[in-house]
Structures are given as C-alpha cells and as structure tokens.
C-alpha cells in the first residue's frame, strides 16, 4: 500500500508537529508538516487524520501549537 491510500490519525503520524512540552492527547493541536501541505499552515488536532499519514513519532518545535502556527517544519 502506498502512502496516498493509507489513512491514519495525526497522533501517530510523523508529519504532525507539536509543541516541545505538549502531551499526546486527542485535544492537542499542532502543525501538519507534510511537504505538500506546508504552504497551508494546516493546524490539526491529534484526532484529525488524512490519507497523507505516515506512521511515526510527531515532530516537536516551539510555535507548532500557535494559531496560526509560527514554527518551521523540523523534518
């Protein structure tokens, strides 16, 4: 299965970037850093999900949870 047909939630996605001290909880919000979605500064919750999902640990950077996000992608 390629990455464009696999669906998953942000809490378990390597493209989800959250604040350094943020807890992995459904209510946590962060920045989607998937390369194609970066221009949109897409702020999503842990329970959001999409077909760009890639299993992994979320990245962390200051400003990822801001509204709008101010962090640069770290991956």
N, C-alpha and C. Protein backbone atom coordinates (compact mmCIF):
# COMPACT_ATOMS: atom_id res chain seq x y z
N UNK A 1 0.85 -1.18 0.00
CA UNK A 1 0.00 0.00 0.00
C UNK A 1 0.90 1.24 0.00
N UNK A 2 0.66 2.18 -0.91
CA UNK A 2 1.48 3.39 -0.93
C UNK A 2 0.93 4.43 0.04
N UNK A 3 1.71 5.49 0.30
CA UNK A 3 1.34 6.49 1.30
C UNK A 3 0.06 7.25 0.98
N UNK A 4 -0.35 7.33 -0.30
CA UNK A 4 -1.52 8.11 -0.65
C UNK A 4 -2.83 7.36 -0.43
N UNK A 5 -2.78 6.05 -0.16
CA UNK A 5 -4.01 5.30 0.07
C UNK A 5 -4.15 4.85 1.52
N UNK A 6 -3.17 5.13 2.35
CA UNK A 6 -3.20 4.73 3.75
C UNK A 6 -3.75 5.90 4.57
N UNK A 7 -4.77 5.65 5.36
CA UNK A 7 -5.37 6.69 6.19
C UNK A 7 -5.00 6.44 7.64
N UNK A 8 -4.71 7.51 8.36
CA UNK A 8 -4.40 7.38 9.77
C UNK A 8 -4.61 8.69 10.50
N UNK A 9 -4.52 8.63 11.83
CA UNK A 9 -4.75 9.82 12.66
C UNK A 9 -3.44 10.52 12.97
N UNK A 10 -3.52 11.81 13.19
CA UNK A 10 -2.33 12.64 13.39
C UNK A 10 -1.51 12.24 14.62
N UNK A 11 -2.14 11.78 15.67
CA UNK A 11 -1.43 11.47 16.91
C UNK A 11 -0.31 10.43 16.69
N UNK A 12 -0.42 9.62 15.65
CA UNK A 12 0.58 8.59 15.37
C UNK A 12 1.30 8.85 14.05
N UNK A 13 1.30 10.10 13.57
CA UNK A 13 1.89 10.44 12.27
C UNK A 13 3.16 11.25 12.42
N UNK A 14 4.17 10.92 11.64
CA UNK A 14 5.44 11.66 11.69
C UNK A 14 5.32 13.06 11.10
N UNK A 15 4.25 13.35 10.38
CA UNK A 15 4.06 14.68 9.79
C UNK A 15 3.33 15.63 10.73
N UNK A 16 2.97 15.19 11.91
CA UNK A 16 2.32 16.06 12.88
C UNK A 16 3.40 16.65 13.76
N UNK A 17 3.43 17.96 13.90
CA UNK A 17 4.44 18.64 14.70
C UNK A 17 3.75 19.41 15.82
N UNK A 18 4.19 19.16 17.05
CA UNK A 18 3.56 19.76 18.23
C UNK A 18 4.60 20.51 19.06
N UNK A 19 4.12 21.22 20.07
CA UNK A 19 5.00 21.94 20.98
C UNK A 19 5.90 20.96 21.73
N UNK A 20 7.11 21.39 22.10
CA UNK A 20 8.04 20.50 22.80
C UNK A 20 7.49 19.86 24.06
N UNK A 21 6.69 20.57 24.83
CA UNK A 21 6.16 20.03 26.08
C UNK A 21 4.75 19.50 25.98
N UNK A 22 4.18 19.46 24.78
CA UNK A 22 2.79 19.03 24.62
C UNK A 22 2.62 17.53 24.88
N UNK A 23 1.50 17.19 25.48
CA UNK A 23 1.16 15.79 25.72
C UNK A 23 0.48 15.21 24.49
N UNK A 24 0.66 13.93 24.28
CA UNK A 24 -0.02 13.24 23.17
C UNK A 24 -1.43 12.90 23.63
N UNK A 25 -2.35 13.85 23.41
CA UNK A 25 -3.75 13.70 23.80
C UNK A 25 -4.62 14.13 22.63
N UNK A 26 -5.86 13.65 22.58
CA UNK A 26 -6.76 13.99 21.49
C UNK A 26 -6.97 15.49 21.31
N UNK A 27 -6.95 16.25 22.39
CA UNK A 27 -7.21 17.69 22.32
C UNK A 27 -5.97 18.51 21.93
N UNK A 28 -4.82 17.89 21.82
CA UNK A 28 -3.59 18.61 21.46
C UNK A 28 -3.66 19.01 19.99
N UNK A 29 -3.28 20.26 19.71
CA UNK A 29 -3.24 20.76 18.34
C UNK A 29 -1.80 21.02 17.92
N UNK A 30 -1.55 20.83 16.65
CA UNK A 30 -0.21 21.06 16.11
C UNK A 30 -0.27 21.35 14.63
N UNK A 31 0.89 21.41 14.03
CA UNK A 31 1.06 21.78 12.63
C UNK A 31 1.31 20.54 11.78
N UNK A 32 0.61 20.44 10.65
CA UNK A 32 0.89 19.35 9.71
C UNK A 32 2.10 19.78 8.86
N UNK A 33 3.16 18.98 8.89
CA UNK A 33 4.38 19.34 8.16
C UNK A 33 4.63 18.44 6.95
N UNK A 34 3.58 17.74 6.47
CA UNK A 34 3.71 17.02 5.21
C UNK A 34 4.16 18.04 4.16
N UNK A 35 5.14 17.68 3.34
CA UNK A 35 5.74 18.62 2.40
C UNK A 35 4.70 19.34 1.53
N UNK A 36 3.75 18.61 0.99
CA UNK A 36 2.75 19.22 0.10
C UNK A 36 1.75 20.11 0.83
N UNK A 37 1.59 19.91 2.13
CA UNK A 37 0.62 20.69 2.90
C UNK A 37 1.24 21.86 3.67
N UNK A 38 2.57 21.96 3.72
CA UNK A 38 3.23 23.03 4.47
C UNK A 38 2.78 24.44 4.09
N UNK A 39 2.55 24.75 2.81
CA UNK A 39 2.15 26.12 2.46
C UNK A 39 0.84 26.56 3.11
N UNK A 40 0.01 25.62 3.54
CA UNK A 40 -1.29 25.95 4.10
C UNK A 40 -1.28 26.21 5.60
N UNK A 41 -0.13 25.99 6.28
CA UNK A 41 -0.06 26.15 7.74
C UNK A 41 -1.24 25.46 8.40
N UNK A 42 -1.46 24.22 8.04
CA UNK A 42 -2.60 23.44 8.49
C UNK A 42 -2.46 23.05 9.96
N UNK A 43 -3.32 23.60 10.81
CA UNK A 43 -3.33 23.30 12.24
C UNK A 43 -4.37 22.22 12.49
N UNK A 44 -3.94 21.11 13.06
CA UNK A 44 -4.83 19.96 13.24
C UNK A 44 -4.72 19.40 14.65
N UNK A 45 -5.78 18.72 15.08
CA UNK A 45 -5.76 18.08 16.39
C UNK A 45 -5.20 16.68 16.26
N UNK A 46 -4.91 16.08 17.39
CA UNK A 46 -4.37 14.71 17.42
C UNK A 46 -5.34 13.72 16.80
N UNK A 47 -6.62 13.96 16.90
CA UNK A 47 -7.59 13.01 16.37
C UNK A 47 -8.00 13.31 14.93
N UNK A 48 -7.40 14.36 14.33
CA UNK A 48 -7.60 14.58 12.89
C UNK A 48 -6.87 13.48 12.15
N UNK A 49 -7.12 13.35 10.88
CA UNK A 49 -6.45 12.33 10.09
C UNK A 49 -6.64 12.57 8.61
N UNK A 50 -5.81 11.90 7.81
CA UNK A 50 -5.92 12.05 6.35
C UNK A 50 -5.19 10.92 5.65
N UNK A 51 -5.17 10.98 4.33
CA UNK A 51 -4.50 9.94 3.54
C UNK A 51 -3.03 10.24 3.28
N UNK A 52 -2.47 11.27 3.91
CA UNK A 52 -1.04 11.58 3.82
C UNK A 52 -0.29 10.96 5.01
N UNK A 53 -1.01 10.21 5.82
CA UNK A 53 -0.49 9.60 7.04
C UNK A 53 0.79 8.79 6.79
N UNK A 54 1.76 8.98 7.69
CA UNK A 54 2.99 8.18 7.69
C UNK A 54 3.29 7.86 9.15
N UNK A 55 3.20 6.60 9.52
CA UNK A 55 3.37 6.20 10.91
C UNK A 55 4.71 6.67 11.46
N UNK A 56 4.67 7.19 12.69
CA UNK A 56 5.88 7.64 13.34
C UNK A 56 5.58 8.53 14.52
N UNK A 57 6.63 8.99 15.16
CA UNK A 57 6.50 9.90 16.30
C UNK A 57 6.33 11.32 15.78
N UNK A 58 5.45 12.11 16.40
CA UNK A 58 5.31 13.51 16.00
C UNK A 58 6.61 14.27 16.20
N UNK A 59 6.87 15.24 15.32
CA UNK A 59 8.00 16.15 15.47
C UNK A 59 7.62 17.19 16.53
N UNK A 60 8.60 17.90 17.03
CA UNK A 60 8.33 18.92 18.06
C UNK A 60 9.12 20.19 17.78
N UNK A 61 8.43 21.33 17.88
CA UNK A 61 9.07 22.63 17.71
C UNK A 61 8.19 23.71 18.33
N UNK A 62 8.82 24.71 18.92
CA UNK A 62 8.11 25.83 19.54
C UNK A 62 7.32 26.58 18.46
N UNK A 63 6.08 26.88 18.74
CA UNK A 63 5.21 27.60 17.82
C UNK A 63 4.31 26.70 17.00
N UNK A 64 4.45 25.39 17.16
CA UNK A 64 3.64 24.44 16.39
C UNK A 64 2.17 24.47 16.78
N UNK A 65 1.89 24.80 18.02
CA UNK A 65 0.51 24.83 18.50
C UNK A 65 -0.13 26.20 18.45
N UNK A 66 0.61 27.21 17.98
CA UNK A 66 0.07 28.56 17.90
C UNK A 66 -1.03 28.64 16.84
N UNK A 67 -1.83 29.68 16.93
CA UNK A 67 -2.92 29.86 15.98
C UNK A 67 -2.82 31.26 15.38
N UNK A 68 -2.27 31.40 14.18
CA UNK A 68 -1.75 30.37 13.29
C UNK A 68 -0.38 29.88 13.75
N UNK A 69 0.00 28.68 13.29
CA UNK A 69 1.31 28.14 13.67
C UNK A 69 2.44 29.05 13.20
N UNK A 70 3.47 29.17 14.04
CA UNK A 70 4.62 30.02 13.71
C UNK A 70 5.91 29.22 13.56
N UNK A 71 5.88 27.94 13.83
CA UNK A 71 7.06 27.09 13.77
C UNK A 71 7.43 26.75 12.34
N UNK A 72 8.71 26.51 12.13
CA UNK A 72 9.20 25.96 10.87
C UNK A 72 9.17 24.44 10.99
N UNK A 73 8.88 23.73 9.90
CA UNK A 73 8.94 22.26 9.94
C UNK A 73 10.33 21.77 10.30
N UNK A 74 10.41 20.78 11.20
CA UNK A 74 11.72 20.27 11.61
C UNK A 74 12.11 18.99 10.87
N UNK A 75 11.26 18.48 10.02
CA UNK A 75 11.63 17.31 9.21
C UNK A 75 11.70 17.69 7.77
